[in-house]
Amino acid sequence: MTKTKSHHLLDMLAEVPDLRNPRGKRHPLSAILRLAVVAMLCGYRSYSAIAQWGRTYPPILPKHSDSHKKKHFLPGFM
């Protein structure tokens, strides 16, 4: 069996380039991607359902991009 280096999903999401226009940005792209991933893990599939999940469960997500390295980030998922 060959050894492969594993990558943390949240670290990989933070590396996705943000090509959006700087004007009007409210949230970092990595935060939006994290929200979408977790909402989809919870069964929400459409854009409107993911947005509703984000409005309903905001305390679950960390406010800082490096918060996923702390023990209390999304218990049960990490």
C-alpha atoms as a PDB file:
ATOM      1  CA  MET A   1       0.000   0.000   0.000  1.00  0.00           C
ATOM      2  CA  THR A   2       1.386   3.392  -0.916  1.00  0.00           C
ATOM      3  CA  LYS A   3       1.376   6.290   1.474  1.00  0.00           C
ATOM      4  CA  THR A   4      -0.545   9.345   0.386  1.00  0.00           C
ATOM      5  CA  LYS A   5      -0.563  12.667   2.125  1.00  0.00           C
ATOM      6  CA  SER A   6      -4.001  13.477   3.451  1.00  0.00           C
ATOM      7  CA  HIS A   7      -5.354  17.007   3.316  1.00  0.00           C
ATOM      8  CA  HIS A   8      -7.920  18.564   5.575  1.00  0.00           C
ATOM      9  CA  LEU A   9     -11.001  19.535   3.563  1.00  0.00           C
ATOM     10  CA  LEU A  10     -11.245  22.942   5.196  1.00  0.00           C
ATOM     11  CA  ASP A  11      -7.626  23.711   4.337  1.00  0.00           C
ATOM     12  CA  MET A  12      -8.341  22.812   0.729  1.00  0.00           C
ATOM     13  CA  LEU A  13     -11.471  24.990   0.647  1.00  0.00           C
ATOM     14  CA  ALA A  14      -9.390  27.913   1.935  1.00  0.00           C
ATOM     15  CA  GLU A  15      -7.107  27.519  -1.096  1.00  0.00           C
ATOM     16  CA  VAL A  16      -9.909  27.961  -3.650  1.00  0.00           C
ATOM     17  CA  PRO A  17      -9.244  31.271  -5.432  1.00  0.00           C
ATOM     18  CA  ASP A  18     -11.898  33.924  -4.931  1.00  0.00           C
ATOM     19  CA  LEU A  19     -12.641  35.410  -8.351  1.00  0.00           C
ATOM     20  CA  ARG A  20     -15.559  37.527  -7.170  1.00  0.00           C
ATOM     21  CA  ASN A  21     -15.579  41.304  -7.575  1.00  0.00           C
ATOM     22  CA  PRO A  22     -14.224  42.807  -4.326  1.00  0.00           C
ATOM     23  CA  ARG A  23     -17.156  45.220  -4.182  1.00  0.00           C
ATOM     24  CA  GLY A  24     -20.099  43.764  -2.371  1.00  0.00           C
ATOM     25  CA  LYS A  25     -18.259  40.887  -0.707  1.00  0.00           C
ATOM     26  CA  ARG A  26     -19.813  40.219   2.670  1.00  0.00           C
ATOM     27  CA  HIS A  27     -18.177  36.930   3.594  1.00  0.00           C
ATOM     28  CA  PRO A  28     -14.908  35.187   2.769  1.00  0.00           C
ATOM     29  CA  LEU A  29     -15.277  32.544   0.082  1.00  0.00           C
ATOM     30  CA  SER A  30     -13.891  29.863   2.400  1.00  0.00           C
ATOM     31  CA  ALA A  31     -16.705  30.578   4.898  1.00  0.00           C
ATOM     32  CA  ILE A  32     -19.334  30.267   2.168  1.00  0.00           C
ATOM     33  CA  LEU A  33     -17.834  26.994   0.963  1.00  0.00           C
ATOM     34  CA  ARG A  34     -17.692  25.606   4.523  1.00  0.00           C
ATOM     35  CA  LEU A  35     -21.326  26.523   5.058  1.00  0.00           C
ATOM     36  CA  ALA A  36     -22.315  24.825   1.789  1.00  0.00           C
ATOM     37  CA  VAL A  37     -20.391  21.639   2.607  1.00  0.00           C
ATOM     38  CA  VAL A  38     -21.858  21.296   6.092  1.00  0.00           C
ATOM     39  CA  ALA A  39     -25.386  22.124   4.920  1.00  0.00           C
ATOM     40  CA  MET A  40     -25.107  19.481   2.208  1.00  0.00           C
ATOM     41  CA  LEU A  41     -23.878  16.950   4.781  1.00  0.00           C
ATOM     42  CA  CYS A  42     -27.070  17.755   6.687  1.00  0.00           C
ATOM     43  CA  GLY A  43     -29.179  17.014   3.614  1.00  0.00           C
ATOM     44  CA  TYR A  44     -29.773  20.493   2.213  1.00  0.00           C
ATOM     45  CA  ARG A  45     -29.228  20.455  -1.555  1.00  0.00           C
ATOM     46  CA  SER A  46     -30.634  23.544  -3.288  1.00  0.00           C
ATOM     47  CA  TYR A  47     -29.167  27.046  -3.085  1.00  0.00           C
ATOM     48  CA  SER A  48     -32.203  28.301  -1.184  1.00  0.00           C
ATOM     49  CA  ALA A  49     -32.110  25.353   1.244  1.00  0.00           C
ATOM     50  CA  ILE A  50     -28.391  25.901   1.911  1.00  0.00           C
ATOM     51  CA  ALA A  51     -29.028  29.618   2.503  1.00  0.00           C
ATOM     52  CA  GLN A  52     -31.884  28.763   4.875  1.00  0.00           C
ATOM     53  CA  TRP A  53     -29.617  26.346   6.762  1.00  0.00           C
ATOM     54  CA  GLY A  54     -27.013  29.099   7.075  1.00  0.00           C
ATOM     55  CA  ARG A  55     -29.579  31.492   8.531  1.00  0.00           C
ATOM     56  CA  THR A  56     -30.926  28.848  10.901  1.00  0.00           C
ATOM     57  CA  TYR A  57     -27.666  27.356  12.216  1.00  0.00           C
ATOM     58  CA  PRO A  58     -24.982  30.092  12.127  1.00  0.00           C
ATOM     59  CA  PRO A  59     -23.477  29.396  15.601  1.00  0.00           C
ATOM     60  CA  ILE A  60     -22.130  26.026  14.411  1.00  0.00           C
ATOM     61  CA  LEU A  61     -19.707  27.583  11.947  1.00  0.00           C
ATOM     62  CA  PRO A  62     -16.486  29.259  13.079  1.00  0.00           C
ATOM     63  CA  LYS A  63     -15.928  32.940  12.416  1.00  0.00           C
ATOM     64  CA  HIS A  64     -12.228  32.592  11.613  1.00  0.00           C
ATOM     65  CA  SER A  65     -10.698  30.477   8.888  1.00  0.00           C
ATOM     66  CA  ASP A  66      -8.309  28.700  11.266  1.00  0.00           C
ATOM     67  CA  SER A  67     -11.046  27.776  13.744  1.00  0.00           C
ATOM     68  CA  HIS A  68     -11.365  24.301  12.239  1.00  0.00           C
ATOM     69  CA  LYS A  69      -8.045  23.450  13.889  1.00  0.00           C
ATOM     70  CA  LYS A  70      -9.598  23.884  17.340  1.00  0.00           C
ATOM     71  CA  LYS A  71     -11.283  20.988  19.101  1.00  0.00           C
ATOM     72  CA  HIS A  72     -14.751  22.553  19.216  1.00  0.00           C
ATOM     73  CA  PHE A  73     -15.366  22.929  15.478  1.00  0.00           C
ATOM     74  CA  LEU A  74     -18.427  20.983  14.372  1.00  0.00           C
ATOM     75  CA  PRO A  75     -18.404  18.130  16.873  1.00  0.00           C
ATOM     76  CA  GLY A  76     -19.436  14.940  15.198  1.00  0.00           C
ATOM     77  CA  PHE A  77     -18.175  16.010  11.784  1.00  0.00           C
ATOM     78  CA  MET A  78     -14.457  16.377  12.483  1.00  0.00           C
END
